Amino acid sequence: MHMPPVDINYFAVLAAAIVNMALGSFWFSTKGFGKQWMALSGITPDPAKAKGMQKLYAIAFVGALVMSYVLAHFVDYAGAATIGQGAQAGFWSWLGFVAPVMLGMVLWEGKPWKLYVINTSYYLVLLLVNGALLAVWS
């Protein structure tokens, strides 16, 4: 089977990864849902761990790049060229891959539904925005 060629705008992928990090920085901060997220996750702020955060953010950025690159493929395969079409590609990616996979945290790990909503709604907003960005910036 031969996959059709994909037209990837690497600057758009980089911008989408930066959007991922910026949105996450807000979403999981104390100005966003950070306090609730930490309480529901059982995480307590530890200043001693702050020293190793650069490495964690670097790994997270690589993950954001991979996610943006794969989403760019989906957007291109869908033929999305408008904000609405790109957001729709992001929505279906979220509904088909993120929302069901993250159910495991509730079903098998015993995490609260509220944590599921905080985490999955972050990815919903992210994929809607990045799908739109990747569609119009191609």
N, C-alpha and C. Protein backbone atom coordinates (compact mmCIF):
# COMPACT_ATOMS: atom_id res chain seq x y z
N MET A 1 0.84 -1.17 0.00
CA MET A 1 0.00 0.00 0.00
C MET A 1 0.88 1.24 0.00
N HIS A 2 0.53 2.18 -0.79
CA HIS A 2 1.31 3.41 -0.90
C HIS A 2 0.52 4.56 -0.29
N MET A 3 1.14 5.25 0.66
CA MET A 3 0.50 6.42 1.28
C MET A 3 0.71 7.62 0.37
N PRO A 4 -0.32 8.44 0.26
CA PRO A 4 -0.15 9.65 -0.57
C PRO A 4 0.88 10.58 0.06
N PRO A 5 1.59 11.34 -0.77
CA PRO A 5 2.56 12.28 -0.22
C PRO A 5 1.86 13.34 0.63
N VAL A 6 2.55 13.78 1.65
CA VAL A 6 2.00 14.75 2.58
C VAL A 6 2.81 16.04 2.48
N ASP A 7 2.11 17.14 2.39
CA ASP A 7 2.76 18.45 2.33
C ASP A 7 2.80 19.01 3.75
N ILE A 8 3.97 19.00 4.36
CA ILE A 8 4.13 19.45 5.74
C ILE A 8 4.85 20.79 5.76
N ASN A 9 4.25 21.75 6.45
CA ASN A 9 4.90 23.03 6.69
C ASN A 9 5.58 22.92 8.06
N TYR A 10 6.89 22.79 8.05
CA TYR A 10 7.63 22.55 9.29
C TYR A 10 7.61 23.76 10.23
N PHE A 11 7.47 24.96 9.68
CA PHE A 11 7.34 26.13 10.55
C PHE A 11 6.00 26.08 11.29
N ALA A 12 4.96 25.62 10.60
CA ALA A 12 3.65 25.47 11.25
C ALA A 12 3.70 24.40 12.33
N VAL A 13 4.42 23.32 12.07
CA VAL A 13 4.58 22.26 13.07
C VAL A 13 5.30 22.81 14.30
N LEU A 14 6.36 23.58 14.08
CA LEU A 14 7.08 24.21 15.19
C LEU A 14 6.17 25.17 15.95
N ALA A 15 5.41 25.97 15.24
CA ALA A 15 4.48 26.91 15.89
C ALA A 15 3.44 26.15 16.70
N ALA A 16 2.93 25.05 16.16
CA ALA A 16 1.93 24.25 16.87
C ALA A 16 2.53 23.65 18.15
N ALA A 17 3.78 23.24 18.09
CA ALA A 17 4.45 22.70 19.29
C ALA A 17 4.62 23.80 20.34
N ILE A 18 4.93 25.00 19.90
CA ILE A 18 5.06 26.13 20.83
C ILE A 18 3.70 26.46 21.44
N VAL A 19 2.64 26.41 20.63
CA VAL A 19 1.28 26.62 21.15
C VAL A 19 0.98 25.57 22.20
N ASN A 20 1.36 24.33 21.94
CA ASN A 20 1.16 23.23 22.89
C ASN A 20 1.78 23.57 24.23
N MET A 21 3.02 23.99 24.22
CA MET A 21 3.73 24.30 25.46
C MET A 21 3.12 25.53 26.16
N ALA A 22 2.76 26.54 25.38
CA ALA A 22 2.18 27.76 25.96
C ALA A 22 0.82 27.46 26.59
N LEU A 23 -0.01 26.72 25.87
CA LEU A 23 -1.32 26.38 26.41
C LEU A 23 -1.19 25.53 27.67
N GLY A 24 -0.28 24.56 27.63
CA GLY A 24 -0.05 23.71 28.81
C GLY A 24 0.47 24.51 29.99
N SER A 25 1.33 25.48 29.72
CA SER A 25 1.86 26.33 30.80
C SER A 25 0.75 27.10 31.49
N PHE A 26 -0.23 27.55 30.70
CA PHE A 26 -1.37 28.24 31.31
C PHE A 26 -2.33 27.24 31.95
N TRP A 27 -2.72 26.22 31.21
CA TRP A 27 -3.76 25.28 31.65
C TRP A 27 -3.43 24.66 33.00
N PHE A 28 -2.17 24.27 33.16
CA PHE A 28 -1.75 23.57 34.37
C PHE A 28 -1.08 24.49 35.39
N SER A 29 -1.22 25.81 35.18
CA SER A 29 -0.70 26.78 36.15
C SER A 29 -1.76 27.08 37.20
N THR A 30 -1.38 27.85 38.19
CA THR A 30 -2.35 28.24 39.22
C THR A 30 -3.39 29.20 38.68
N LYS A 31 -3.10 29.87 37.55
CA LYS A 31 -4.10 30.73 36.92
C LYS A 31 -5.11 29.94 36.10
N GLY A 32 -4.73 28.73 35.75
CA GLY A 32 -5.63 27.85 35.02
C GLY A 32 -6.22 26.82 35.97
N PHE A 33 -5.98 25.55 35.65
CA PHE A 33 -6.52 24.45 36.45
C PHE A 33 -5.46 23.78 37.32
N GLY A 34 -4.32 24.43 37.47
CA GLY A 34 -3.18 23.83 38.16
C GLY A 34 -3.44 23.37 39.58
N LYS A 35 -4.11 24.20 40.36
CA LYS A 35 -4.37 23.82 41.76
C LYS A 35 -5.26 22.58 41.82
N GLN A 36 -6.33 22.59 41.04
CA GLN A 36 -7.23 21.42 41.02
C GLN A 36 -6.50 20.20 40.48
N TRP A 37 -5.75 20.39 39.39
CA TRP A 37 -5.02 19.30 38.76
C TRP A 37 -4.03 18.66 39.73
N MET A 38 -3.27 19.49 40.45
CA MET A 38 -2.31 18.95 41.42
C MET A 38 -3.02 18.20 42.54
N ALA A 39 -4.08 18.77 43.07
CA ALA A 39 -4.82 18.12 44.15
C ALA A 39 -5.40 16.78 43.69
N LEU A 40 -6.00 16.76 42.52
CA LEU A 40 -6.61 15.54 42.00
C LEU A 40 -5.58 14.49 41.61
N SER A 41 -4.38 14.96 41.23
CA SER A 41 -3.30 14.05 40.83
C SER A 41 -2.47 13.58 42.01
N GLY A 42 -2.65 14.23 43.15
CA GLY A 42 -1.83 13.89 44.31
C GLY A 42 -0.43 14.45 44.22
N ILE A 43 -0.27 15.56 43.50
CA ILE A 43 1.03 16.20 43.30
C ILE A 43 1.15 17.37 44.26
N THR A 44 2.29 17.47 44.93
CA THR A 44 2.56 18.64 45.77
C THR A 44 3.78 19.36 45.20
N PRO A 45 3.74 20.67 45.17
CA PRO A 45 4.88 21.42 44.65
C PRO A 45 6.13 21.13 45.49
N ASP A 46 7.22 20.84 44.81
CA ASP A 46 8.48 20.54 45.50
C ASP A 46 9.59 21.37 44.87
N PRO A 47 10.02 22.44 45.57
CA PRO A 47 11.07 23.30 45.01
C PRO A 47 12.35 22.54 44.66
N ALA A 48 12.62 21.45 45.34
CA ALA A 48 13.84 20.68 45.06
C ALA A 48 13.78 20.05 43.68
N LYS A 49 12.59 19.74 43.20
CA LYS A 49 12.45 19.13 41.87
C LYS A 49 12.56 20.16 40.75
N ALA A 50 12.47 21.43 41.07
CA ALA A 50 12.50 22.48 40.05
C ALA A 50 13.81 22.50 39.29
N LYS A 51 14.88 22.01 39.88
CA LYS A 51 16.19 22.01 39.22
C LYS A 51 16.20 21.14 37.97
N GLY A 52 15.45 20.05 37.96
CA GLY A 52 15.43 19.14 36.81
C GLY A 52 14.33 19.43 35.81
N MET A 53 13.66 20.55 35.96
CA MET A 53 12.51 20.85 35.11
C MET A 53 12.90 21.12 33.65
N GLN A 54 14.08 21.66 33.41
CA GLN A 54 14.48 21.94 32.03
C GLN A 54 14.48 20.67 31.20
N LYS A 55 14.97 19.60 31.77
CA LYS A 55 15.00 18.32 31.04
C LYS A 55 13.59 17.83 30.77
N LEU A 56 12.70 17.96 31.75
CA LEU A 56 11.31 17.53 31.57
C LEU A 56 10.61 18.36 30.51
N TYR A 57 10.84 19.67 30.52
CA TYR A 57 10.24 20.53 29.50
C TYR A 57 10.81 20.23 28.12
N ALA A 58 12.08 19.91 28.04
CA ALA A 58 12.68 19.55 26.75
C ALA A 58 12.05 18.27 26.20
N ILE A 59 11.85 17.28 27.06
CA ILE A 59 11.20 16.04 26.63
C ILE A 59 9.76 16.32 26.22
N ALA A 60 9.06 17.15 27.00
CA ALA A 60 7.68 17.51 26.67
C ALA A 60 7.62 18.23 25.33
N PHE A 61 8.62 19.07 25.04
CA PHE A 61 8.63 19.79 23.77
C PHE A 61 8.84 18.83 22.60
N VAL A 62 9.68 17.84 22.78
CA VAL A 62 9.86 16.83 21.73
C VAL A 62 8.52 16.10 21.49
N GLY A 63 7.83 15.76 22.57
CA GLY A 63 6.51 15.15 22.43
C GLY A 63 5.53 16.06 21.71
N ALA A 64 5.59 17.36 22.01
CA ALA A 64 4.73 18.34 21.35
C ALA A 64 5.04 18.43 19.85
N LEU A 65 6.32 18.35 19.52
CA LEU A 65 6.72 18.35 18.10
C LEU A 65 6.17 17.12 17.38
N VAL A 66 6.29 15.96 18.01
CA VAL A 66 5.79 14.73 17.40
C VAL A 66 4.28 14.82 17.20
N MET A 67 3.57 15.26 18.24
CA MET A 67 2.12 15.39 18.14
C MET A 67 1.72 16.34 17.01
N SER A 68 2.40 17.47 16.92
CA SER A 68 2.10 18.46 15.89
C SER A 68 2.39 17.91 14.50
N TYR A 69 3.48 17.19 14.36
CA TYR A 69 3.87 16.60 13.08
C TYR A 69 2.84 15.57 12.62
N VAL A 70 2.39 14.72 13.53
CA VAL A 70 1.39 13.70 13.18
C VAL A 70 0.05 14.36 12.88
N LEU A 71 -0.33 15.37 13.67
CA LEU A 71 -1.58 16.08 13.39
C LEU A 71 -1.51 16.76 12.03
N ALA A 72 -0.35 17.27 11.65
CA ALA A 72 -0.20 17.89 10.32
C ALA A 72 -0.50 16.86 9.22
N HIS A 73 -0.12 15.61 9.44
CA HIS A 73 -0.46 14.55 8.49
C HIS A 73 -1.97 14.37 8.40
N PHE A 74 -2.62 14.29 9.55
CA PHE A 74 -4.08 14.11 9.57
C PHE A 74 -4.78 15.27 8.87
N VAL A 75 -4.33 16.47 9.16
CA VAL A 75 -4.93 17.66 8.56
C VAL A 75 -4.76 17.62 7.04
N ASP A 76 -3.59 17.22 6.58
CA ASP A 76 -3.33 17.14 5.14
C ASP A 76 -4.15 16.02 4.51
N TYR A 77 -4.20 14.85 5.14
CA TYR A 77 -4.99 13.74 4.61
C TYR A 77 -6.46 14.11 4.52
N ALA A 78 -6.95 14.91 5.48
CA ALA A 78 -8.35 15.33 5.48
C ALA A 78 -8.63 16.42 4.45
N GLY A 79 -7.57 16.98 3.89
CA GLY A 79 -7.74 18.06 2.93
C GLY A 79 -8.23 19.35 3.58
N ALA A 80 -7.97 19.48 4.87
CA ALA A 80 -8.42 20.65 5.62
C ALA A 80 -7.61 21.87 5.22
N ALA A 81 -8.32 22.94 4.85
CA ALA A 81 -7.65 24.16 4.42
C ALA A 81 -8.21 25.40 5.09
N THR A 82 -9.23 25.24 5.93
CA THR A 82 -9.82 26.38 6.62
C THR A 82 -9.72 26.16 8.13
N ILE A 83 -9.99 27.20 8.88
CA ILE A 83 -9.96 27.09 10.35
C ILE A 83 -10.94 26.01 10.81
N GLY A 84 -12.15 26.04 10.28
CA GLY A 84 -13.16 25.07 10.68
C GLY A 84 -12.80 23.65 10.32
N GLN A 85 -12.27 23.46 9.12
CA GLN A 85 -11.87 22.11 8.70
C GLN A 85 -10.70 21.59 9.53
N GLY A 86 -9.75 22.47 9.84
CA GLY A 86 -8.61 22.07 10.67
C GLY A 86 -9.05 21.73 12.08
N ALA A 87 -9.95 22.56 12.63
CA ALA A 87 -10.48 22.29 13.97
C ALA A 87 -11.24 20.97 13.97
N GLN A 88 -11.95 20.68 12.89
CA GLN A 88 -12.68 19.42 12.81
C GLN A 88 -11.71 18.23 12.79
N ALA A 89 -10.61 18.35 12.07
CA ALA A 89 -9.60 17.29 12.06
C ALA A 89 -9.03 17.11 13.47
N GLY A 90 -8.81 18.22 14.16
CA GLY A 90 -8.33 18.15 15.54
C GLY A 90 -9.35 17.50 16.45
N PHE A 91 -10.63 17.84 16.27
CA PHE A 91 -11.68 17.24 17.09
C PHE A 91 -11.75 15.74 16.90
N TRP A 92 -11.75 15.27 15.66
CA TRP A 92 -11.84 13.82 15.42
C TRP A 92 -10.61 13.09 15.94
N SER A 93 -9.46 13.73 15.87
CA SER A 93 -8.24 13.13 16.44
C SER A 93 -8.39 12.99 17.95
N TRP A 94 -8.93 14.03 18.59
CA TRP A 94 -9.15 13.99 20.03
C TRP A 94 -10.17 12.91 20.39
N LEU A 95 -11.31 12.91 19.70
CA LEU A 95 -12.37 11.96 20.02
C LEU A 95 -11.95 10.52 19.77
N GLY A 96 -11.18 10.29 18.74
CA GLY A 96 -10.79 8.92 18.39
C GLY A 96 -9.59 8.39 19.14
N PHE A 97 -8.68 9.27 19.56
CA PHE A 97 -7.44 8.80 20.15
C PHE A 97 -7.23 9.25 21.59
N VAL A 98 -7.44 10.50 21.89
CA VAL A 98 -7.14 11.02 23.22
C VAL A 98 -8.21 10.65 24.24
N ALA A 99 -9.45 11.01 23.96
CA ALA A 99 -10.53 10.80 24.93
C ALA A 99 -10.67 9.32 25.34
N PRO A 100 -10.69 8.38 24.40
CA PRO A 100 -10.83 6.98 24.84
C PRO A 100 -9.59 6.43 25.54
N VAL A 101 -8.41 6.81 25.09
CA VAL A 101 -7.18 6.29 25.70
C VAL A 101 -7.05 6.77 27.13
N MET A 102 -7.42 8.03 27.37
CA MET A 102 -7.29 8.59 28.71
C MET A 102 -8.35 8.08 29.68
N LEU A 103 -9.34 7.37 29.18
CA LEU A 103 -10.32 6.75 30.08
C LEU A 103 -9.66 5.79 31.06
N GLY A 104 -8.54 5.22 30.64
CA GLY A 104 -7.82 4.29 31.50
C GLY A 104 -7.45 4.87 32.85
N MET A 105 -7.18 6.17 32.90
CA MET A 105 -6.82 6.79 34.18
C MET A 105 -7.97 6.72 35.17
N VAL A 106 -9.20 6.74 34.67
CA VAL A 106 -10.37 6.62 35.55
C VAL A 106 -10.70 5.16 35.80
N LEU A 107 -10.74 4.38 34.73
CA LEU A 107 -11.17 2.99 34.83
C LEU A 107 -10.18 2.09 35.56
N TRP A 108 -8.90 2.24 35.28
CA TRP A 108 -7.90 1.30 35.81
C TRP A 108 -7.02 1.90 36.90
N GLU A 109 -6.83 3.22 36.88
CA GLU A 109 -5.96 3.84 37.88
C GLU A 109 -6.75 4.45 39.03
N GLY A 110 -8.06 4.47 38.90
CA GLY A 110 -8.90 5.00 39.97
C GLY A 110 -8.85 6.50 40.14
N LYS A 111 -8.42 7.22 39.11
CA LYS A 111 -8.37 8.69 39.18
C LYS A 111 -9.79 9.25 39.05
N PRO A 112 -10.03 10.42 39.61
CA PRO A 112 -11.38 11.00 39.54
C PRO A 112 -11.75 11.49 38.13
N TRP A 113 -13.04 11.47 37.85
CA TRP A 113 -13.54 11.95 36.57
C TRP A 113 -13.16 13.41 36.34
N LYS A 114 -13.12 14.19 37.39
CA LYS A 114 -12.78 15.61 37.26
C LYS A 114 -11.36 15.77 36.69
N LEU A 115 -10.44 14.91 37.09
CA LEU A 115 -9.09 14.95 36.55
C LEU A 115 -9.11 14.58 35.06
N TYR A 116 -9.90 13.58 34.72
CA TYR A 116 -10.07 13.18 33.31
C TYR A 116 -10.56 14.38 32.49
N VAL A 117 -11.53 15.11 33.01
CA VAL A 117 -12.08 16.27 32.30
C VAL A 117 -11.02 17.35 32.13
N ILE A 118 -10.25 17.64 33.17
CA ILE A 118 -9.19 18.66 33.08
C ILE A 118 -8.17 18.26 32.02
N ASN A 119 -7.70 17.02 32.09
CA ASN A 119 -6.67 16.56 31.15
C ASN A 119 -7.18 16.47 29.72
N THR A 120 -8.34 15.85 29.53
CA THR A 120 -8.82 15.66 28.16
C THR A 120 -9.31 16.97 27.53
N SER A 121 -9.86 17.87 28.34
CA SER A 121 -10.29 19.15 27.76
C SER A 121 -9.09 19.98 27.32
N TYR A 122 -7.96 19.84 28.00
CA TYR A 122 -6.72 20.49 27.54
C TYR A 122 -6.38 20.01 26.13
N TYR A 123 -6.41 18.69 25.94
CA TYR A 123 -6.08 18.15 24.62
C TYR A 123 -7.13 18.50 23.58
N LEU A 124 -8.39 18.61 23.99
CA LEU A 124 -9.42 19.03 23.05
C LEU A 124 -9.14 20.44 22.54
N VAL A 125 -8.91 21.37 23.46
CA VAL A 125 -8.61 22.75 23.06
C VAL A 125 -7.34 22.79 22.22
N LEU A 126 -6.32 22.08 22.65
CA LEU A 126 -5.05 22.05 21.93
C LEU A 126 -5.23 21.55 20.50
N LEU A 127 -5.93 20.43 20.34
CA LEU A 127 -6.08 19.85 19.00
C LEU A 127 -7.00 20.69 18.11
N LEU A 128 -7.99 21.34 18.70
CA LEU A 128 -8.82 22.25 17.91
C LEU A 128 -7.99 23.42 17.38
N VAL A 129 -7.22 24.04 18.27
CA VAL A 129 -6.40 25.20 17.89
C VAL A 129 -5.30 24.78 16.91
N ASN A 130 -4.58 23.70 17.22
CA ASN A 130 -3.49 23.29 16.36
C ASN A 130 -3.99 22.75 15.02
N GLY A 131 -5.13 22.07 15.02
CA GLY A 131 -5.70 21.64 13.75
C GLY A 131 -6.00 22.82 12.86
N ALA A 132 -6.60 23.87 13.45
CA ALA A 132 -6.91 25.09 12.71
C ALA A 132 -5.63 25.75 12.21
N LEU A 133 -4.66 25.87 13.10
CA LEU A 133 -3.37 26.50 12.72
C LEU A 133 -2.71 25.75 11.57
N LEU A 134 -2.64 24.44 11.67
CA LEU A 134 -1.97 23.64 10.64
C LEU A 134 -2.73 23.66 9.32
N ALA A 135 -4.05 23.79 9.39
CA ALA A 135 -4.84 23.82 8.16
C ALA A 135 -4.61 25.12 7.37
N VAL A 136 -4.61 26.24 8.08
CA VAL A 136 -4.49 27.52 7.37
C VAL A 136 -3.03 27.89 7.07
N TRP A 137 -2.12 27.27 7.76
CA TRP A 137 -0.70 27.61 7.55
C TRP A 137 -0.01 26.46 6.84
N SER A 138 -0.55 26.14 5.67
CA SER A 138 0.06 25.05 4.89
C SER A 138 0.53 25.53 3.54
